[in-house]
């Protein structure tokens, strides 16, 4: 049976991403029938490509479309049950398959290329779970005002997270960021403060709209806390970066220092701190306009690839759900379909 235009497009996307190359099947003991996770992983990617909101609807579509079942790789046309899909999704998220697939995809298609303008931002992801309580950080007592007494020990000042990240590799920096469900707040373009319960997705996006690096944190994590590890992650995946554009949430000396050490030029919208902010010059302002690529990517993810249908819980599963959408966007941009 010949494939329709949409089916051929899906087959091309699956062949581009090759998620099955990073999936390892887990053997099961007992009488439970064995189902390979490779076609299930391909089916979850199709779910994001087609913007199917639930797994139940995905299974119904697979059962009704023989060609789609064959494209995904289900043997003899047998589609697993919803519980098997759920178990496979948990395994895929625990094995970090999606991050490995994304990294391999970026290295394969962009690894030797130069990114002229890299845009960085985050977006609110609403969750369906209770927020975790924030971990209280014990801070040293405030030093008394005035000259310290003779013979007293000097007060040790703990470095900020950004200062600590300057001497860390990006894996260590990311591992120290909160990732559980939290309460976030953000001032929108009209100056109004909005709140949500859930997570934040942080993205680095190239000029052409290819998402290069992605990470999911708790909603209350400030954007600036993720800039340095994301910049270093991106630097390892591509041939080079000329400019990194960010909004005023990233205006910090440590971020500028770290990006400069990578050989990149930071273009960060300045924050007016007592009238001392230096505005972007004309050339920087023109380059800053390219930051709309990351905003369009977030809009595409939420409108067309499952970003608004986060029905799973726990940080790993939420990140895996979002990464299926990121993989779908990467393939579609690469294929220009």
Protein backbone atom coordinates (compact mmCIF):
# COMPACT_ATOMS: atom_id res chain seq x y z
CA UNK A 1 0.00 0.00 0.00
CA UNK A 2 1.55 3.36 -1.00
CA UNK A 3 2.13 5.89 1.76
CA UNK A 4 0.21 9.13 1.93
CA UNK A 5 2.08 12.44 2.03
CA UNK A 6 1.71 12.68 5.84
CA UNK A 7 2.84 9.08 6.35
CA UNK A 8 5.90 9.59 4.14
CA UNK A 9 6.71 12.75 6.11
CA UNK A 10 6.49 10.85 9.41
CA UNK A 11 8.72 8.06 8.05
CA UNK A 12 11.31 10.64 6.98
CA UNK A 13 11.27 12.26 10.44
CA UNK A 14 11.73 8.92 12.19
CA UNK A 15 14.60 8.03 9.87
CA UNK A 16 16.22 11.41 10.60
CA UNK A 17 15.97 11.15 14.39
CA UNK A 18 16.81 7.40 14.69
CA UNK A 19 15.70 7.22 18.29
CA UNK A 20 15.71 3.42 18.21
CA UNK A 21 19.52 3.45 18.03
CA UNK A 22 19.63 4.69 21.63
CA UNK A 23 16.95 2.39 23.07
CA UNK A 24 17.97 -0.77 24.90
CA UNK A 25 15.29 -3.37 25.45
CA UNK A 26 14.94 -4.73 28.96
CA UNK A 27 14.27 -8.46 29.28
CA UNK A 28 11.28 -9.48 31.41
CA UNK A 29 10.87 -12.64 33.51
CA UNK A 30 7.63 -14.52 34.01
CA UNK A 31 4.66 -14.89 31.73
CA UNK A 32 4.26 -11.26 30.67
CA UNK A 33 4.55 -10.95 26.86
CA UNK A 34 7.62 -9.10 25.67
CA UNK A 35 7.25 -5.89 23.66
CA UNK A 36 10.28 -4.09 22.29
CA UNK A 37 10.62 -0.46 23.41
CA UNK A 38 12.03 0.62 20.03
CA UNK A 39 8.70 0.84 18.15
CA UNK A 40 7.11 2.37 21.26
CA UNK A 41 9.77 5.09 21.32
CA UNK A 42 9.13 5.78 17.63
CA UNK A 43 5.40 5.93 18.36
CA UNK A 44 5.93 8.50 21.14
CA UNK A 45 7.88 10.63 18.67
CA UNK A 46 4.98 10.35 16.21
CA UNK A 47 2.70 11.46 19.05
CA UNK A 48 4.69 14.70 19.34
CA UNK A 49 4.92 15.22 15.58
CA UNK A 50 1.14 14.88 15.20
CA UNK A 51 0.42 16.75 18.47
CA UNK A 52 -1.71 13.89 19.80
CA UNK A 53 -2.70 14.92 23.36
CA UNK A 54 -2.96 11.50 25.06
CA UNK A 55 -1.46 8.03 24.77
CA UNK A 56 -4.97 6.59 24.55
CA UNK A 57 -5.61 8.58 21.37
CA UNK A 58 -2.20 7.55 20.00
CA UNK A 59 -3.04 3.85 20.50
CA UNK A 60 -6.41 4.32 18.81
CA UNK A 61 -4.72 5.97 15.84
CA UNK A 62 -2.15 3.18 15.57
CA UNK A 63 -4.87 0.53 15.67
CA UNK A 64 -6.77 2.32 12.89
CA UNK A 65 -3.78 2.99 10.63
CA UNK A 66 -1.92 -0.09 9.40
CA UNK A 67 0.73 1.92 7.56
CA UNK A 68 1.49 3.99 10.67
CA UNK A 69 1.90 0.80 12.71
CA UNK A 70 4.35 -0.52 10.13
CA UNK A 71 6.30 2.75 10.06
CA UNK A 72 6.68 2.63 13.85
CA UNK A 73 7.83 -0.99 13.66
CA UNK A 74 5.13 -2.92 15.50
CA UNK A 75 5.53 -6.58 14.54
CA UNK A 76 2.47 -8.32 13.02
CA UNK A 77 0.41 -5.19 13.61
CA UNK A 78 0.11 -5.80 17.37
CA UNK A 79 -0.02 -2.55 19.37
CA UNK A 80 0.79 -2.86 23.11
CA UNK A 81 -1.70 -1.83 25.78
CA UNK A 82 -1.77 1.56 27.48
CA UNK A 83 -0.07 0.11 30.57
CA UNK A 84 2.82 -1.18 28.42
CA UNK A 85 3.15 2.23 26.78
CA UNK A 86 3.25 3.82 30.24
CA UNK A 87 5.90 1.37 31.48
CA UNK A 88 8.02 1.95 28.38
CA UNK A 89 7.75 5.72 28.77
CA UNK A 90 9.02 5.43 32.36
CA UNK A 91 11.98 3.34 31.17
CA UNK A 92 12.77 5.79 28.37
CA UNK A 93 12.79 8.71 30.79
CA UNK A 94 14.92 6.91 33.39
CA UNK A 95 17.51 5.83 30.81
CA UNK A 96 17.95 9.40 29.51
CA UNK A 97 17.39 8.12 25.99
CA UNK A 98 15.96 11.42 24.76
CA UNK A 99 18.99 13.51 25.79
CA UNK A 100 21.36 11.05 24.12
CA UNK A 101 19.27 11.07 20.94
CA UNK A 102 19.18 14.86 20.88
CA UNK A 103 22.93 15.18 21.44
CA UNK A 104 23.67 12.66 18.68
CA UNK A 105 21.29 14.47 16.34
CA UNK A 106 22.96 17.84 16.99
CA UNK A 107 26.49 16.45 16.62
CA UNK A 108 25.57 14.61 13.41
CA UNK A 109 23.93 17.56 11.67
CA UNK A 110 25.44 20.68 13.29
CA UNK A 111 28.63 19.39 14.88
CA UNK A 112 31.04 21.08 12.46
CA UNK A 113 28.93 24.12 11.71
CA UNK A 114 29.36 27.63 13.13
CA UNK A 115 26.31 29.10 14.88
CA UNK A 116 26.35 32.82 14.19
CA UNK A 117 23.60 33.83 16.64
CA UNK A 118 22.62 31.56 19.50
CA UNK A 119 19.42 32.57 21.32
CA UNK A 120 18.81 31.47 24.91
CA UNK A 121 15.60 31.68 26.96
CA UNK A 122 13.21 29.69 29.15
CA UNK A 123 9.47 29.08 29.09
CA UNK A 124 6.90 28.14 31.73
CA UNK A 125 5.66 24.55 31.63
CA UNK A 126 2.52 23.92 33.64
CA UNK A 127 2.48 20.65 35.58
CA UNK A 128 -0.24 18.48 37.06
CA UNK A 129 1.21 17.78 40.47
CA UNK A 130 1.70 19.42 43.81
CA UNK A 131 4.74 21.69 44.10
CA UNK A 132 7.58 20.48 46.27
CA UNK A 133 8.57 22.54 49.27
CA UNK A 134 11.66 24.66 48.72
CA UNK A 135 14.78 23.49 50.52
CA UNK A 136 15.75 26.10 53.07
CA UNK A 137 19.36 27.19 52.76
CA UNK A 138 21.10 27.96 56.03
CA UNK A 139 22.88 31.26 55.68
CA UNK A 140 25.63 32.48 58.00
CA UNK A 141 24.59 35.13 60.52
CA UNK A 142 25.00 38.71 59.41
CA UNK A 143 28.21 40.36 60.53
CA UNK A 144 27.81 43.21 62.96
CA UNK A 145 28.22 46.68 61.49
CA UNK A 146 31.59 48.28 62.15
CA UNK A 147 35.23 47.26 62.28
CA UNK A 148 35.77 43.62 63.33
CA UNK A 149 37.37 43.06 66.73
CA UNK A 150 41.06 42.24 66.93
CA UNK A 151 41.80 38.54 66.73
CA UNK A 152 38.37 37.68 65.31
CA UNK A 153 38.20 35.18 62.45
CA UNK A 154 37.47 36.61 58.99
CA UNK A 155 33.92 36.09 57.78
CA UNK A 156 33.76 33.43 55.07
CA UNK A 157 31.45 34.38 52.22
CA UNK A 158 29.85 31.50 50.35
CA UNK A 159 30.09 31.88 46.55
CA UNK A 160 26.87 32.39 44.64
CA UNK A 161 25.65 29.66 42.30
CA UNK A 162 26.91 31.56 39.25
CA UNK A 163 30.31 32.09 40.88
CA UNK A 164 30.53 28.37 41.69
CA UNK A 165 29.58 27.45 38.12
CA UNK A 166 32.62 29.32 36.77
CA UNK A 167 34.87 26.50 38.02
CA UNK A 168 32.52 23.56 37.38
CA UNK A 169 31.86 21.39 34.35
CA UNK A 170 28.35 21.73 32.99
CA UNK A 171 27.22 18.27 34.18
CA UNK A 172 28.02 19.22 37.79
CA UNK A 173 26.31 22.59 37.46
CA UNK A 174 23.14 21.04 36.03
CA UNK A 175 23.06 18.32 38.68
CA UNK A 176 22.91 20.98 41.43
CA UNK A 177 19.85 22.76 40.02
CA UNK A 178 16.40 22.02 41.52
CA UNK A 179 14.27 19.97 39.14
CA UNK A 180 11.13 19.08 41.10
CA UNK A 181 7.74 20.65 40.54
CA UNK A 182 7.71 24.20 41.93
CA UNK A 183 5.96 27.54 41.84
CA UNK A 184 7.28 30.02 39.30
CA UNK A 185 6.60 33.68 38.64
CA UNK A 186 7.41 35.83 35.66
CA UNK A 187 6.72 39.36 34.50
CA UNK A 188 5.15 39.32 31.04
CA UNK A 189 5.70 41.77 28.20
CA UNK A 190 2.95 44.04 29.58
CA UNK A 191 4.56 44.28 33.01
CA UNK A 192 2.08 42.00 34.81
CA UNK A 193 3.32 39.30 37.18
CA UNK A 194 2.01 35.79 36.45
CA UNK A 195 2.42 32.58 38.45
CA UNK A 196 2.31 28.89 37.54
CA UNK A 197 2.93 25.50 39.13
CA UNK A 198 5.26 23.19 37.27
CA UNK A 199 8.58 23.50 35.50
CA UNK A 200 10.77 25.59 33.20
CA UNK A 201 12.24 24.45 29.91
CA UNK A 202 15.53 26.16 29.02
CA UNK A 203 16.63 26.16 25.37
CA UNK A 204 19.59 27.22 23.23
CA UNK A 205 18.41 27.75 19.64
CA UNK A 206 20.50 28.44 16.53
CA UNK A 207 19.75 31.04 13.83
CA UNK A 208 17.74 28.62 11.70
CA UNK A 209 15.58 27.44 14.62
CA UNK A 210 17.43 24.21 15.45
CA UNK A 211 17.29 23.56 19.22
CA UNK A 212 20.90 22.81 20.23
CA UNK A 213 20.65 22.29 24.01
CA UNK A 214 17.72 21.75 26.36
CA UNK A 215 17.26 21.33 30.10
CA UNK A 216 14.23 21.25 32.41
CA UNK A 217 14.28 22.72 35.92
CA UNK A 218 11.85 23.57 38.65
CA UNK A 219 9.64 26.57 37.89
CA UNK A 220 11.29 28.76 40.54
CA UNK A 221 14.84 28.43 39.15
CA UNK A 222 15.99 31.79 37.80
CA UNK A 223 17.01 31.86 34.14
CA UNK A 224 20.51 33.10 34.99
CA UNK A 225 21.28 29.91 36.95
CA UNK A 226 21.16 27.80 33.78
CA UNK A 227 23.01 30.08 31.34
CA UNK A 228 26.60 28.98 32.02
CA UNK A 229 26.05 25.18 31.89
CA UNK A 230 23.86 25.53 28.78
CA UNK A 231 26.50 27.66 27.06
CA UNK A 232 29.16 25.04 27.81
CA UNK A 233 26.91 22.20 26.69
CA UNK A 234 26.24 23.95 23.39
CA UNK A 235 29.94 24.75 22.93
CA UNK A 236 30.77 21.03 23.07
CA UNK A 237 28.13 20.11 20.51
CA UNK A 238 28.77 22.58 17.67
CA UNK A 239 31.77 23.79 15.72
CA UNK A 240 31.62 27.28 17.23
CA UNK A 241 29.40 30.17 18.27
CA UNK A 242 29.87 33.83 17.41
CA UNK A 243 27.15 35.62 19.42
CA UNK A 244 24.90 34.58 22.29
CA UNK A 245 21.76 36.69 22.71
CA UNK A 246 19.83 36.79 26.00
CA UNK A 247 17.26 39.03 27.66
CA UNK A 248 17.80 41.04 30.84
CA UNK A 249 17.24 38.02 33.12
CA UNK A 250 20.78 36.91 32.17
CA UNK A 251 22.49 40.23 32.89
CA UNK A 252 25.23 39.09 35.30
CA UNK A 253 28.99 39.61 35.31
CA UNK A 254 29.67 35.90 35.84
CA UNK A 255 27.65 34.94 32.77
CA UNK A 256 29.48 37.47 30.61
CA UNK A 257 32.80 36.17 31.93
CA UNK A 258 31.98 32.51 31.26
CA UNK A 259 30.73 33.19 27.73
CA UNK A 260 33.79 35.31 27.00
CA UNK A 261 36.05 32.46 28.14
CA UNK A 262 34.36 30.22 25.57
CA UNK A 263 35.32 32.71 22.86
CA UNK A 264 31.72 33.82 22.29
CA UNK A 265 30.38 37.37 22.33
CA UNK A 266 27.51 37.87 24.80
CA UNK A 267 24.73 40.25 23.74
CA UNK A 268 22.58 40.65 26.84
CA UNK A 269 19.79 43.16 27.29
CA UNK A 270 21.06 45.35 30.16
CA UNK A 271 19.19 45.84 33.43
CA UNK A 272 18.89 49.45 34.58
CA UNK A 273 20.48 49.41 38.03
CA UNK A 274 20.33 52.97 39.25
CA UNK A 275 20.84 54.54 35.84
CA UNK A 276 24.22 52.84 35.31
CA UNK A 277 23.14 50.42 32.56
CA UNK A 278 24.97 50.75 29.26
CA UNK A 279 22.44 50.30 26.42
CA UNK A 280 23.18 48.07 23.44
CA UNK A 281 24.77 49.90 20.54
CA UNK A 282 23.14 49.88 17.12
CA UNK A 283 24.97 46.77 15.86
CA UNK A 284 24.22 44.81 19.03
CA UNK A 285 20.57 45.89 18.95
CA UNK A 286 20.25 44.54 15.40
CA UNK A 287 21.81 41.23 16.38
CA UNK A 288 19.59 41.07 19.47
CA UNK A 289 16.55 40.89 17.20
CA UNK A 290 17.55 37.34 16.22
CA UNK A 291 16.45 36.23 19.71
CA UNK A 292 12.93 35.84 18.35
CA UNK A 293 14.00 32.41 17.05
CA UNK A 294 13.90 30.92 20.55
CA UNK A 295 10.52 32.56 21.23
CA UNK A 296 9.10 31.06 18.03
CA UNK A 297 10.53 27.67 19.00
CA UNK A 298 8.74 27.75 22.35
CA UNK A 299 5.49 28.79 20.64
CA UNK A 300 5.89 25.95 18.13
CA UNK A 301 6.55 23.43 20.91
CA UNK A 302 3.47 24.46 22.86
CA UNK A 303 1.09 24.89 19.93
CA UNK A 304 2.13 21.97 17.71
CA UNK A 305 4.23 19.41 19.60
CA UNK A 306 2.73 18.64 22.99
CA UNK A 307 4.11 21.47 25.12
CA UNK A 308 0.63 22.25 26.44
CA UNK A 309 -0.30 18.60 27.05
CA UNK A 310 1.98 17.69 29.95
CA UNK A 311 -0.01 14.95 31.66
CA UNK A 312 2.91 13.01 33.14
CA UNK A 313 4.42 13.63 36.57
CA UNK A 314 7.91 13.76 38.08
CA UNK A 315 10.83 15.75 36.60
CA UNK A 316 12.28 12.93 34.47
CA UNK A 317 8.97 12.13 32.77
CA UNK A 318 8.14 15.80 32.17
CA UNK A 319 11.58 16.36 30.64
CA UNK A 320 11.19 13.26 28.45
CA UNK A 321 7.79 14.45 27.24
CA UNK A 322 9.22 17.85 26.30
CA UNK A 323 12.27 16.31 24.65
CA UNK A 324 10.07 14.31 22.25
CA UNK A 325 8.74 17.69 21.12
CA UNK A 326 12.26 19.14 20.85
CA UNK A 327 13.32 16.18 18.68
CA UNK A 328 10.27 16.65 16.46
CA UNK A 329 11.06 20.35 15.99
CA UNK A 330 14.71 19.63 15.22
CA UNK A 331 13.79 17.11 12.53
CA UNK A 332 11.11 19.33 10.98
CA UNK A 333 13.43 22.37 10.85
CA UNK A 334 16.24 20.25 9.43
CA UNK A 335 14.00 18.78 6.76
CA UNK A 336 12.18 22.11 6.23
CA UNK A 337 8.80 20.36 6.19
